[in-house]
Amino acid sequence: MSNDERIQTWVEAARRGDEQGFLSIYRFYSGKVRGVLRQMLGAEGLDDSVQEVFLRVWKGLSSLREPSAFSSWIYRTTWNVAMDSRKSAALRRTQADEFIQQAQLGRREHSPEKAMDA
């Protein structure tokens, strides 16, 4: 049996709720998914991102139209998780920068020099 046939068998089994089928998918793809995410995101939060990919895969298996396209689908899911993670990180950095600017502005407005001017 070829890899493609095996993957299709696992996908069909997992779609029926077979945990062993999903575990086979995980074992086959987890290293590949981890490698792609490491390249895109680095090591920080890597385990959480891998977990997110496989959570989305588990939840989305029923909507997968063509089990033969699973490999492309899981890589697209991996890409989406990486992009979502990057967007979240950028938003957190922006919010942190804004907080720091507000704190610095507040410190200047309430500095001892300002109190002396009043």
PDB file of N, CA and C in Angstrom:
ATOM      1  N   MET A   1       0.856  -1.181   0.000  1.00  0.00           N
ATOM      2  CA  MET A   1       0.000   0.000   0.000  1.00  0.00           C
ATOM      3  C   MET A   1       0.899   1.241   0.000  1.00  0.00           C
ATOM      4  N   SER A   2       0.611   2.200  -0.859  1.00  0.00           N
ATOM      5  CA  SER A   2       1.395   3.437  -0.950  1.00  0.00           C
ATOM      6  C   SER A   2       1.048   4.368   0.214  1.00  0.00           C
ATOM      7  N   ASN A   3       1.894   5.355   0.428  1.00  0.00           N
ATOM      8  CA  ASN A   3       1.613   6.356   1.471  1.00  0.00           C
ATOM      9  C   ASN A   3       0.281   7.049   1.224  1.00  0.00           C
ATOM     10  N   ASP A   4       0.027   7.403  -0.039  1.00  0.00           N
ATOM     11  CA  ASP A   4      -1.234   8.078  -0.363  1.00  0.00           C
ATOM     12  C   ASP A   4      -2.440   7.215   0.003  1.00  0.00           C
ATOM     13  N   GLU A   5      -2.348   5.938  -0.277  1.00  0.00           N
ATOM     14  CA  GLU A   5      -3.460   5.033   0.058  1.00  0.00           C
ATOM     15  C   GLU A   5      -3.607   4.888   1.563  1.00  0.00           C
ATOM     16  N   ARG A   6      -2.488   4.781   2.253  1.00  0.00           N
ATOM     17  CA  ARG A   6      -2.533   4.685   3.710  1.00  0.00           C
ATOM     18  C   ARG A   6      -3.157   5.935   4.323  1.00  0.00           C
ATOM     19  N   ILE A   7      -2.716   7.097   3.844  1.00  0.00           N
ATOM     20  CA  ILE A   7      -3.246   8.362   4.362  1.00  0.00           C
ATOM     21  C   ILE A   7      -4.745   8.446   4.121  1.00  0.00           C
ATOM     22  N   GLN A   8      -5.166   8.070   2.939  1.00  0.00           N
ATOM     23  CA  GLN A   8      -6.593   8.095   2.627  1.00  0.00           C
ATOM     24  C   GLN A   8      -7.375   7.168   3.553  1.00  0.00           C
ATOM     25  N   THR A   9      -6.827   6.006   3.844  1.00  0.00           N
ATOM     26  CA  THR A   9      -7.472   5.061   4.756  1.00  0.00           C
ATOM     27  C   THR A   9      -7.575   5.661   6.154  1.00  0.00           C
ATOM     28  N   TRP A  10      -6.493   6.300   6.611  1.00  0.00           N
ATOM     29  CA  TRP A  10      -6.512   6.921   7.934  1.00  0.00           C
ATOM     30  C   TRP A  10      -7.511   8.062   7.999  1.00  0.00           C
ATOM     31  N   VAL A  11      -7.559   8.847   6.942  1.00  0.00           N
ATOM     32  CA  VAL A  11      -8.483   9.980   6.910  1.00  0.00           C
ATOM     33  C   VAL A  11      -9.928   9.488   6.962  1.00  0.00           C
ATOM     34  N   GLU A  12     -10.230   8.490   6.170  1.00  0.00           N
ATOM     35  CA  GLU A  12     -11.595   7.936   6.174  1.00  0.00           C
ATOM     36  C   GLU A  12     -11.946   7.394   7.556  1.00  0.00           C
ATOM     37  N   ALA A  13     -11.007   6.696   8.176  1.00  0.00           N
ATOM     38  CA  ALA A  13     -11.248   6.153   9.520  1.00  0.00           C
ATOM     39  C   ALA A  13     -11.457   7.284  10.526  1.00  0.00           C
ATOM     40  N   ALA A  14     -10.597   8.291  10.476  1.00  0.00           N
ATOM     41  CA  ALA A  14     -10.711   9.416  11.409  1.00  0.00           C
ATOM     42  C   ALA A  14     -12.024  10.157  11.208  1.00  0.00           C
ATOM     43  N   ARG A  15     -12.464  10.267   9.969  1.00  0.00           N
ATOM     44  CA  ARG A  15     -13.743  10.942   9.689  1.00  0.00           C
ATOM     45  C   ARG A  15     -14.915  10.211  10.333  1.00  0.00           C
ATOM     46  N   ARG A  16     -14.755   8.910  10.504  1.00  0.00           N
ATOM     47  CA  ARG A  16     -15.797   8.111  11.165  1.00  0.00           C
ATOM     48  C   ARG A  16     -15.644   8.133  12.690  1.00  0.00           C
ATOM     49  N   GLY A  17     -14.655   8.901  13.180  1.00  0.00           N
ATOM     50  CA  GLY A  17     -14.441   9.005  14.620  1.00  0.00           C
ATOM     51  C   GLY A  17     -13.428   8.024  15.176  1.00  0.00           C
ATOM     52  N   ASP A  18     -12.737   7.315  14.318  1.00  0.00           N
ATOM     53  CA  ASP A  18     -11.737   6.338  14.750  1.00  0.00           C
ATOM     54  C   ASP A  18     -10.483   7.062  15.244  1.00  0.00           C
ATOM     55  N   GLU A  19     -10.238   6.978  16.542  1.00  0.00           N
ATOM     56  CA  GLU A  19      -9.090   7.670  17.127  1.00  0.00           C
ATOM     57  C   GLU A  19      -7.766   7.094  16.628  1.00  0.00           C
ATOM     58  N   GLN A  20      -7.714   5.812  16.344  1.00  0.00           N
ATOM     59  CA  GLN A  20      -6.483   5.206  15.839  1.00  0.00           C
ATOM     60  C   GLN A  20      -6.133   5.753  14.456  1.00  0.00           C
ATOM     61  N   GLY A  21      -7.157   5.985  13.644  1.00  0.00           N
ATOM     62  CA  GLY A  21      -6.930   6.591  12.339  1.00  0.00           C
ATOM     63  C   GLY A  21      -6.329   7.975  12.491  1.00  0.00           C
ATOM     64  N   PHE A  22      -6.863   8.752  13.423  1.00  0.00           N
ATOM     65  CA  PHE A  22      -6.335  10.097  13.659  1.00  0.00           C
ATOM     66  C   PHE A  22      -4.933  10.036  14.247  1.00  0.00           C
ATOM     67  N   LEU A  23      -4.702   9.086  15.147  1.00  0.00           N
ATOM     68  CA  LEU A  23      -3.373   8.926  15.725  1.00  0.00           C
ATOM     69  C   LEU A  23      -2.349   8.583  14.642  1.00  0.00           C
ATOM     70  N   SER A  24      -2.739   7.788  13.674  1.00  0.00           N
ATOM     71  CA  SER A  24      -1.845   7.462  12.557  1.00  0.00           C
ATOM     72  C   SER A  24      -1.523   8.711  11.741  1.00  0.00           C
ATOM     73  N   ILE A  25      -2.533   9.534  11.523  1.00  0.00           N
ATOM     74  CA  ILE A  25      -2.319  10.810  10.825  1.00  0.00           C
ATOM     75  C   ILE A  25      -1.337  11.661  11.618  1.00  0.00           C
ATOM     76  N   TYR A  26      -1.562  11.754  12.913  1.00  0.00           N
ATOM     77  CA  TYR A  26      -0.697  12.561  13.770  1.00  0.00           C
ATOM     78  C   TYR A  26       0.745  12.070  13.701  1.00  0.00           C
ATOM     79  N   ARG A  27       0.931  10.777  13.849  1.00  0.00           N
ATOM     80  CA  ARG A  27       2.289  10.212  13.822  1.00  0.00           C
ATOM     81  C   ARG A  27       2.981  10.482  12.487  1.00  0.00           C
ATOM     82  N   PHE A  28       2.244  10.390  11.408  1.00  0.00           N
ATOM     83  CA  PHE A  28       2.825  10.579  10.083  1.00  0.00           C
ATOM     84  C   PHE A  28       3.180  12.038   9.827  1.00  0.00           C
ATOM     85  N   TYR A  29       2.314  12.958  10.249  1.00  0.00           N
ATOM     86  CA  TYR A  29       2.467  14.368   9.894  1.00  0.00           C
ATOM     87  C   TYR A  29       3.068  15.260  10.976  1.00  0.00           C
ATOM     88  N   SER A  30       3.094  14.831  12.220  1.00  0.00           N
ATOM     89  CA  SER A  30       3.495  15.755  13.297  1.00  0.00           C
ATOM     90  C   SER A  30       4.908  16.308  13.111  1.00  0.00           C
ATOM     91  N   GLY A  31       5.852  15.498  12.693  1.00  0.00           N
ATOM     92  CA  GLY A  31       7.212  15.989  12.467  1.00  0.00           C
ATOM     93  C   GLY A  31       7.277  17.003  11.339  1.00  0.00           C
ATOM     94  N   LYS A  32       6.527  16.736  10.288  1.00  0.00           N
ATOM     95  CA  LYS A  32       6.504  17.655   9.143  1.00  0.00           C
ATOM     96  C   LYS A  32       5.852  18.985   9.528  1.00  0.00           C
ATOM     97  N   VAL A  33       4.732  18.905  10.231  1.00  0.00           N
ATOM     98  CA  VAL A  33       4.026  20.109  10.683  1.00  0.00           C
ATOM     99  C   VAL A  33       4.929  20.909  11.621  1.00  0.00           C
ATOM    100  N   ARG A  34       5.569  20.215  12.550  1.00  0.00           N
ATOM    101  CA  ARG A  34       6.467  20.868  13.502  1.00  0.00           C
ATOM    102  C   ARG A  34       7.609  21.583  12.766  1.00  0.00           C
ATOM    103  N   GLY A  35       8.175  20.944  11.759  1.00  0.00           N
ATOM    104  CA  GLY A  35       9.266  21.552  11.003  1.00  0.00           C
ATOM    105  C   GLY A  35       8.842  22.813  10.271  1.00  0.00           C
ATOM    106  N   VAL A  36       7.671  22.770   9.640  1.00  0.00           N
ATOM    107  CA  VAL A  36       7.173  23.954   8.925  1.00  0.00           C
ATOM    108  C   VAL A  36       6.905  25.086   9.910  1.00  0.00           C
ATOM    109  N   LEU A  37       6.264  24.766  11.020  1.00  0.00           N
ATOM    110  CA  LEU A  37       5.958  25.805  12.011  1.00  0.00           C
ATOM    111  C   LEU A  37       7.228  26.377  12.629  1.00  0.00           C
ATOM    112  N   ARG A  38       8.222  25.529  12.867  1.00  0.00           N
ATOM    113  CA  ARG A  38       9.483  26.025  13.434  1.00  0.00           C
ATOM    114  C   ARG A  38      10.133  27.024  12.474  1.00  0.00           C
ATOM    115  N   GLN A  39      10.109  26.718  11.184  1.00  0.00           N
ATOM    116  CA  GLN A  39      10.677  27.638  10.197  1.00  0.00           C
ATOM    117  C   GLN A  39       9.918  28.952  10.156  1.00  0.00           C
ATOM    118  N   MET A  40       8.610  28.878  10.287  1.00  0.00           N
ATOM    119  CA  MET A  40       7.792  30.080  10.158  1.00  0.00           C
ATOM    120  C   MET A  40       7.699  30.898  11.442  1.00  0.00           C
ATOM    121  N   LEU A  41       7.754  30.212  12.598  1.00  0.00           N
ATOM    122  CA  LEU A  41       7.483  30.903  13.860  1.00  0.00           C
ATOM    123  C   LEU A  41       8.632  30.864  14.861  1.00  0.00           C
ATOM    124  N   GLY A  42       9.580  29.990  14.672  1.00  0.00           N
ATOM    125  CA  GLY A  42      10.624  29.800  15.671  1.00  0.00           C
ATOM    126  C   GLY A  42      10.167  28.819  16.734  1.00  0.00           C
ATOM    127  N   ALA A  43      10.951  28.686  17.769  1.00  0.00           N
ATOM    128  CA  ALA A  43      10.689  27.671  18.792  1.00  0.00           C
ATOM    129  C   ALA A  43       9.646  28.086  19.828  1.00  0.00           C
ATOM    130  N   GLU A  44       9.496  29.393  20.033  1.00  0.00           N
ATOM    131  CA  GLU A  44       8.569  29.861  21.069  1.00  0.00           C
ATOM    132  C   GLU A  44       7.128  29.550  20.688  1.00  0.00           C
ATOM    133  N   GLY A  45       6.447  28.854  21.560  1.00  0.00           N
ATOM    134  CA  GLY A  45       5.049  28.517  21.322  1.00  0.00           C
ATOM    135  C   GLY A  45       4.836  27.419  20.293  1.00  0.00           C
ATOM    136  N   LEU A  46       5.900  26.723  19.935  1.00  0.00           N
ATOM    137  CA  LEU A  46       5.820  25.706  18.885  1.00  0.00           C
ATOM    138  C   LEU A  46       4.842  24.593  19.236  1.00  0.00           C
ATOM    139  N   ASP A  47       4.920  24.090  20.462  1.00  0.00           N
ATOM    140  CA  ASP A  47       4.020  22.998  20.856  1.00  0.00           C
ATOM    141  C   ASP A  47       2.555  23.413  20.767  1.00  0.00           C
ATOM    142  N   ASP A  48       2.262  24.635  21.191  1.00  0.00           N
ATOM    143  CA  ASP A  48       0.881  25.131  21.120  1.00  0.00           C
ATOM    144  C   ASP A  48       0.407  25.230  19.674  1.00  0.00           C
ATOM    145  N   SER A  49       1.290  25.655  18.793  1.00  0.00           N
ATOM    146  CA  SER A  49       0.920  25.788  17.382  1.00  0.00           C
ATOM    147  C   SER A  49       0.688  24.429  16.738  1.00  0.00           C
ATOM    148  N   VAL A  50       1.539  23.462  17.062  1.00  0.00           N
ATOM    149  CA  VAL A  50       1.342  22.096  16.538  1.00  0.00           C
ATOM    150  C   VAL A  50       0.002  21.566  17.030  1.00  0.00           C
ATOM    151  N   GLN A  51      -0.269  21.768  18.302  1.00  0.00           N
ATOM    152  CA  GLN A  51      -1.536  21.317  18.870  1.00  0.00           C
ATOM    153  C   GLN A  51      -2.717  21.981  18.161  1.00  0.00           C
ATOM    154  N   GLU A  52      -2.597  23.264  17.872  1.00  0.00           N
ATOM    155  CA  GLU A  52      -3.667  23.986  17.181  1.00  0.00           C
ATOM    156  C   GLU A  52      -3.914  23.414  15.788  1.00  0.00           C
ATOM    157  N   VAL A  53      -2.847  23.069  15.073  1.00  0.00           N
ATOM    158  CA  VAL A  53      -3.008  22.476  13.739  1.00  0.00           C
ATOM    159  C   VAL A  53      -3.825  21.201  13.835  1.00  0.00           C
ATOM    160  N   PHE A  54      -3.447  20.314  14.744  1.00  0.00           N
ATOM    161  CA  PHE A  54      -4.137  19.027  14.809  1.00  0.00           C
ATOM    162  C   PHE A  54      -5.535  19.147  15.392  1.00  0.00           C
ATOM    163  N   LEU A  55      -5.764  20.142  16.217  1.00  0.00           N
ATOM    164  CA  LEU A  55      -7.126  20.404  16.689  1.00  0.00           C
ATOM    165  C   LEU A  55      -8.008  20.840  15.519  1.00  0.00           C
ATOM    166  N   ARG A  56      -7.486  21.747  14.690  1.00  0.00           N
ATOM    167  CA  ARG A  56      -8.238  22.195  13.508  1.00  0.00           C
ATOM    168  C   ARG A  56      -8.461  21.040  12.528  1.00  0.00           C
ATOM    169  N   VAL A  57      -7.455  20.190  12.389  1.00  0.00           N
ATOM    170  CA  VAL A  57      -7.603  19.033  11.495  1.00  0.00           C
ATOM    171  C   VAL A  57      -8.718  18.134  12.009  1.00  0.00           C
ATOM    172  N   TRP A  58      -8.698  17.817  13.290  1.00  0.00           N
ATOM    173  CA  TRP A  58      -9.719  16.940  13.870  1.00  0.00           C
ATOM    174  C   TRP A  58     -11.114  17.534  13.677  1.00  0.00           C
ATOM    175  N   LYS A  59     -11.240  18.809  13.973  1.00  0.00           N
ATOM    176  CA  LYS A  59     -12.548  19.457  13.844  1.00  0.00           C
ATOM    177  C   LYS A  59     -12.985  19.604  12.388  1.00  0.00           C
ATOM    178  N   GLY A  60     -12.039  19.751  11.475  1.00  0.00           N
ATOM    179  CA  GLY A  60     -12.374  20.022  10.085  1.00  0.00           C
ATOM    180  C   GLY A  60     -12.439  18.815   9.178  1.00  0.00           C
ATOM    181  N   LEU A  61     -12.126  17.629   9.703  1.00  0.00           N
ATOM    182  CA  LEU A  61     -12.111  16.442   8.844  1.00  0.00           C
ATOM    183  C   LEU A  61     -13.436  16.203   8.136  1.00  0.00           C
ATOM    184  N   SER A  62     -14.520  16.481   8.820  1.00  0.00           N
ATOM    185  CA  SER A  62     -15.831  16.228   8.208  1.00  0.00           C
ATOM    186  C   SER A  62     -16.095  17.145   7.022  1.00  0.00           C
ATOM    187  N   SER A  63     -15.430  18.308   6.988  1.00  0.00           N
ATOM    188  CA  SER A  63     -15.649  19.235   5.878  1.00  0.00           C
ATOM    189  C   SER A  63     -14.672  19.023   4.723  1.00  0.00           C
ATOM    190  N   LEU A  64     -13.716  18.128   4.900  1.00  0.00           N
ATOM    191  CA  LEU A  64     -12.760  17.831   3.837  1.00  0.00           C
ATOM    192  C   LEU A  64     -13.476  17.076   2.731  1.00  0.00           C
ATOM    193  N   ARG A  65     -13.560  17.694   1.571  1.00  0.00           N
ATOM    194  CA  ARG A  65     -14.323  17.102   0.466  1.00  0.00           C
ATOM    195  C   ARG A  65     -13.614  15.916  -0.170  1.00  0.00           C
ATOM    196  N   GLU A  66     -12.328  16.055  -0.343  1.00  0.00           N
ATOM    197  CA  GLU A  66     -11.552  15.041  -1.063  1.00  0.00           C
ATOM    198  C   GLU A  66     -10.453  14.493  -0.157  1.00  0.00           C
ATOM    199  N   PRO A  67     -10.638  13.332   0.465  1.00  0.00           N
ATOM    200  CA  PRO A  67      -9.591  12.773   1.324  1.00  0.00           C
ATOM    201  C   PRO A  67      -8.245  12.621   0.605  1.00  0.00           C
ATOM    202  N   SER A  68      -8.260  12.477  -0.695  1.00  0.00           N
ATOM    203  CA  SER A  68      -7.005  12.355  -1.436  1.00  0.00           C
ATOM    204  C   SER A  68      -6.207  13.666  -1.422  1.00  0.00           C
ATOM    205  N   ALA A  69      -6.857  14.763  -1.067  1.00  0.00           N
ATOM    206  CA  ALA A  69      -6.195  16.073  -0.999  1.00  0.00           C
ATOM    207  C   ALA A  69      -5.751  16.405   0.429  1.00  0.00           C
ATOM    208  N   PHE A  70      -5.729  15.406   1.296  1.00  0.00           N
ATOM    209  CA  PHE A  70      -5.424  15.657   2.704  1.00  0.00           C
ATOM    210  C   PHE A  70      -4.067  16.310   2.908  1.00  0.00           C
ATOM    211  N   SER A  71      -3.048  15.839   2.213  1.00  0.00           N
ATOM    212  CA  SER A  71      -1.698  16.395   2.405  1.00  0.00           C
ATOM    213  C   SER A  71      -1.671  17.896   2.140  1.00  0.00           C
ATOM    214  N   SER A  72      -2.289  18.310   1.059  1.00  0.00           N
ATOM    215  CA  SER A  72      -2.355  19.740   0.752  1.00  0.00           C
ATOM    216  C   SER A  72      -3.162  20.480   1.808  1.00  0.00           C
ATOM    217  N   TRP A  73      -4.223  19.870   2.253  1.00  0.00           N
ATOM    218  CA  TRP A  73      -5.111  20.486   3.230  1.00  0.00           C
ATOM    219  C   TRP A  73      -4.414  20.689   4.571  1.00  0.00           C
ATOM    220  N   ILE A  74      -3.675  19.693   5.043  1.00  0.00           N
ATOM    221  CA  ILE A  74      -3.010  19.838   6.348  1.00  0.00           C
ATOM    222  C   ILE A  74      -1.897  20.881   6.267  1.00  0.00           C
ATOM    223  N   TYR A  75      -1.224  20.961   5.129  1.00  0.00           N
ATOM    224  CA  TYR A  75      -0.198  21.999   4.999  1.00  0.00           C
ATOM    225  C   TYR A  75      -0.826  23.385   4.927  1.00  0.00           C
ATOM    226  N   ARG A  76      -1.963  23.498   4.307  1.00  0.00           N
ATOM    227  CA  ARG A  76      -2.668  24.785   4.276  1.00  0.00           C
ATOM    228  C   ARG A  76      -3.132  25.156   5.689  1.00  0.00           C
ATOM    229  N   THR A  77      -3.604  24.169   6.426  1.00  0.00           N
ATOM    230  CA  THR A  77      -4.002  24.396   7.812  1.00  0.00           C
ATOM    231  C   THR A  77      -2.803  24.850   8.641  1.00  0.00           C
ATOM    232  N   THR A  78      -1.659  24.223   8.413  1.00  0.00           N
ATOM    233  CA  THR A  78      -0.433  24.601   9.116  1.00  0.00           C
ATOM    234  C   THR A  78      -0.061  26.045   8.792  1.00  0.00           C
ATOM    235  N   TRP A  79      -0.139  26.390   7.526  1.00  0.00           N
ATOM    236  CA  TRP A  79       0.146  27.764   7.087  1.00  0.00           C
ATOM    237  C   TRP A  79      -0.798  28.749   7.781  1.00  0.00           C
ATOM    238  N   ASN A  80      -2.083  28.428   7.819  1.00  0.00           N
ATOM    239  CA  ASN A  80      -3.070  29.309   8.439  1.00  0.00           C
ATOM    240  C   ASN A  80      -2.797  29.504   9.928  1.00  0.00           C
ATOM    241  N   VAL A  81      -2.436  28.419  10.614  1.00  0.00           N
ATOM    242  CA  VAL A  81      -2.111  28.528  12.041  1.00  0.00           C
ATOM    243  C   VAL A  81      -0.902  29.444  12.223  1.00  0.00           C
ATOM    244  N   ALA A  82       0.102  29.285  11.380  1.00  0.00           N
ATOM    245  CA  ALA A  82       1.299  30.138  11.475  1.00  0.00           C
ATOM    246  C   ALA A  82       0.941  31.598  11.237  1.00  0.00           C
ATOM    247  N   MET A  83       0.128  31.868  10.233  1.00  0.00           N
ATOM    248  CA  MET A  83      -0.255  33.255   9.945  1.00  0.00           C
ATOM    249  C   MET A  83      -1.084  33.840  11.087  1.00  0.00           C
ATOM    250  N   ASP A  84      -1.996  33.056  11.633  1.00  0.00           N
ATOM    251  CA  ASP A  84      -2.786  33.529  12.776  1.00  0.00           C
ATOM    252  C   ASP A  84      -1.884  33.844  13.963  1.00  0.00           C
ATOM    253  N   SER A  85      -0.900  32.996  14.188  1.00  0.00           N
ATOM    254  CA  SER A  85       0.037  33.206  15.290  1.00  0.00           C
ATOM    255  C   SER A  85       0.852  34.477  15.077  1.00  0.00           C
ATOM    256  N   ARG A  86       1.297  34.703  13.855  1.00  0.00           N
ATOM    257  CA  ARG A  86       2.059  35.920  13.550  1.00  0.00           C
ATOM    258  C   ARG A  86       1.206  37.169  13.750  1.00  0.00           C
ATOM    259  N   LYS A  87      -0.050  37.109  13.314  1.00  0.00           N
ATOM    260  CA  LYS A  87      -0.948  38.260  13.489  1.00  0.00           C
ATOM    261  C   LYS A  87      -1.172  38.544  14.969  1.00  0.00           C
ATOM    262  N   SER A  88      -1.384  37.490  15.749  1.00  0.00           N
ATOM    263  CA  SER A  88      -1.596  37.669  17.191  1.00  0.00           C
ATOM    264  C   SER A  88      -0.371  38.265  17.849  1.00  0.00           C
ATOM    265  N   ALA A  89       0.804  37.789  17.466  1.00  0.00           N
ATOM    266  CA  ALA A  89       2.046  38.318  18.037  1.00  0.00           C
ATOM    267  C   ALA A  89       2.223  39.787  17.671  1.00  0.00           C
ATOM    268  N   ALA A  90       1.917  40.138  16.440  1.00  0.00           N
ATOM    269  CA  ALA A  90       2.035  41.538  16.009  1.00  0.00           C
ATOM    270  C   ALA A  90       1.060  42.419  16.778  1.00  0.00           C
ATOM    271  N   LEU A  91      -0.145  41.938  16.997  1.00  0.00           N
ATOM    272  CA  LEU A  91      -1.136  42.692  17.757  1.00  0.00           C
ATOM    273  C   LEU A  91      -0.684  42.880  19.203  1.00  0.00           C
ATOM    274  N   ARG A  92      -0.139  41.825  19.805  1.00  0.00           N
ATOM    275  CA  ARG A  92       0.352  41.932  21.178  1.00  0.00           C
ATOM    276  C   ARG A  92       1.494  42.941  21.269  1.00  0.00           C
ATOM    277  N   ARG A  93       2.399  42.928  20.270  1.00  0.00           N
ATOM    278  CA  ARG A  93       3.505  43.898  20.277  1.00  0.00           C
ATOM    279  C   ARG A  93       2.967  45.322  20.152  1.00  0.00           C
ATOM    280  N   THR A  94       1.993  45.516  19.287  1.00  0.00           N
ATOM    281  CA  THR A  94       1.408  46.846  19.109  1.00  0.00           C
ATOM    282  C   THR A  94       0.742  47.314  20.395  1.00  0.00           C
ATOM    283  N   GLN A  95      -0.006  46.435  21.034  1.00  0.00           N
ATOM    284  CA  GLN A  95      -0.668  46.795  22.282  1.00  0.00           C
ATOM    285  C   GLN A  95       0.352  47.106  23.375  1.00  0.00           C
ATOM    286  N   ALA A  96       1.421  46.329  23.429  1.00  0.00           N
ATOM    287  CA  ALA A  96       2.467  46.578  24.428  1.00  0.00           C
ATOM    288  C   ALA A  96       3.141  47.923  24.165  1.00  0.00           C
ATOM    289  N   ASP A  97       3.413  48.216  22.904  1.00  0.00           N
ATOM    290  CA  ASP A  97       4.020  49.504  22.555  1.00  0.00           C
ATOM    291  C   ASP A  97       3.117  50.661  22.951  1.00  0.00           C
ATOM    292  N   GLU A  98       1.820  50.528  22.688  1.00  0.00           N
ATOM    293  CA  GLU A  98       0.870  51.579  23.051  1.00  0.00           C
ATOM    294  C   GLU A  98       0.817  51.761  24.566  1.00  0.00           C
ATOM    295  N   PHE A  99       0.839  50.657  25.295  1.00  0.00           N
ATOM    296  CA  PHE A  99       0.816  50.728  26.755  1.00  0.00           C
ATOM    297  C   PHE A  99       2.053  51.449  27.275  1.00  0.00           C
ATOM    298  N   ILE A 100       3.211  51.122  26.723  1.00  0.00           N
ATOM    299  CA  ILE A 100       4.459  51.759  27.145  1.00  0.00           C
ATOM    300  C   ILE A 100       4.419  53.253  26.837  1.00  0.00           C
ATOM    301  N   GLN A 101       3.916  53.615  25.659  1.00  0.00           N
ATOM    302  CA  GLN A 101       3.823  55.034  25.300  1.00  0.00           C
ATOM    303  C   GLN A 101       2.885  55.772  26.252  1.00  0.00           C
ATOM    304  N   GLN A 102       1.755  55.160  26.588  1.00  0.00           N
ATOM    305  CA  GLN A 102       0.811  55.788  27.507  1.00  0.00           C
ATOM    306  C   GLN A 102       1.426  55.944  28.893  1.00  0.00           C
ATOM    307  N   ALA A 103       2.160  54.928  29.324  1.00  0.00           N
ATOM    308  CA  ALA A 103       2.798  54.990  30.643  1.00  0.00           C
ATOM    309  C   ALA A 103       3.850  56.089  30.672  1.00  0.00           C
ATOM    310  N   GLN A 104       4.617  56.216  29.610  1.00  0.00           N
ATOM    311  CA  GLN A 104       5.638  57.258  29.549  1.00  0.00           C
ATOM    312  C   GLN A 104       4.998  58.641  29.506  1.00  0.00           C
ATOM    313  N   LEU A 105       3.928  58.778  28.748  1.00  0.00           N
ATOM    314  CA  LEU A 105       3.221  60.044  28.672  1.00  0.00           C
ATOM    315  C   LEU A 105       2.647  60.410  30.034  1.00  0.00           C
ATOM    316  N   GLY A 106       2.054  59.456  30.707  1.00  0.00           N
ATOM    317  CA  GLY A 106       1.490  59.691  32.038  1.00  0.00           C
ATOM    318  C   GLY A 106       2.549  60.078  33.041  1.00  0.00           C
ATOM    319  N   ARG A 107       3.711  59.476  32.939  1.00  0.00           N
ATOM    320  CA  ARG A 107       4.809  59.800  33.846  1.00  0.00           C
ATOM    321  C   ARG A 107       5.282  61.231  33.620  1.00  0.00           C
ATOM    322  N   ARG A 108       5.318  61.653  32.352  1.00  0.00           N
ATOM    323  CA  ARG A 108       5.742  63.033  32.044  1.00  0.00           C
ATOM    324  C   ARG A 108       4.721  64.047  32.545  1.00  0.00           C
ATOM    325  N   GLU A 109       3.435  63.718  32.390  1.00  0.00           N
ATOM    326  CA  GLU A 109       2.387  64.651  32.803  1.00  0.00           C
ATOM    327  C   GLU A 109       2.313  64.799  34.313  1.00  0.00           C
ATOM    328  N   HIS A 110       2.745  63.771  35.040  1.00  0.00           N
ATOM    329  CA  HIS A 110       2.662  63.806  36.501  1.00  0.00           C
ATOM    330  C   HIS A 110       4.052  63.824  37.136  1.00  0.00           C
ATOM    331  N   SER A 111       5.007  64.385  36.437  1.00  0.00           N
ATOM    332  CA  SER A 111       6.368  64.430  36.951  1.00  0.00           C
ATOM    333  C   SER A 111       6.493  65.541  37.999  1.00  0.00           C
ATOM    334  N   PRO A 112       7.491  65.453  38.870  1.00  0.00           N
ATOM    335  CA  PRO A 112       7.673  66.497  39.887  1.00  0.00           C
ATOM    336  C   PRO A 112       7.903  67.883  39.274  1.00  0.00           C
ATOM    337  N   GLU A 113       8.525  67.924  38.110  1.00  0.00           N
ATOM    338  CA  GLU A 113       8.755  69.218  37.459  1.00  0.00           C
ATOM    339  C   GLU A 113       7.432  69.886  37.106  1.00  0.00           C
ATOM    340  N   LYS A 114       6.468  69.087  36.637  1.00  0.00           N
ATOM    341  CA  LYS A 114       5.146  69.627  36.285  1.00  0.00           C
ATOM    342  C   LYS A 114       4.435  70.137  37.523  1.00  0.00           C
ATOM    343  N   ALA A 115       4.603  69.437  38.629  1.00  0.00           N
ATOM    344  CA  ALA A 115       3.940  69.845  39.868  1.00  0.00           C
ATOM    345  C   ALA A 115       4.488  71.190  40.367  1.00  0.00           C
ATOM    346  N   MET A 116       5.752  71.423  40.124  1.00  0.00           N
ATOM    347  CA  MET A 116       6.369  72.677  40.542  1.00  0.00           C
ATOM    348  C   MET A 116       5.853  73.843  39.714  1.00  0.00           C
ATOM    349  N   ASP A 117       5.485  73.579  38.459  1.00  0.00           N
ATOM    350  CA  ASP A 117       4.994  74.637  37.586  1.00  0.00           C
ATOM    351  C   ASP A 117       3.590  75.080  37.984  1.00  0.00           C
ATOM    352  N   ALA A 118       2.848  74.246  38.642  1.00  0.00           N
ATOM    353  CA  ALA A 118       1.452  74.548  38.944  1.00  0.00           C
ATOM    354  C   ALA A 118       1.276  75.523  40.062  1.00  0.00           C
TER     355      ALA A 118
END
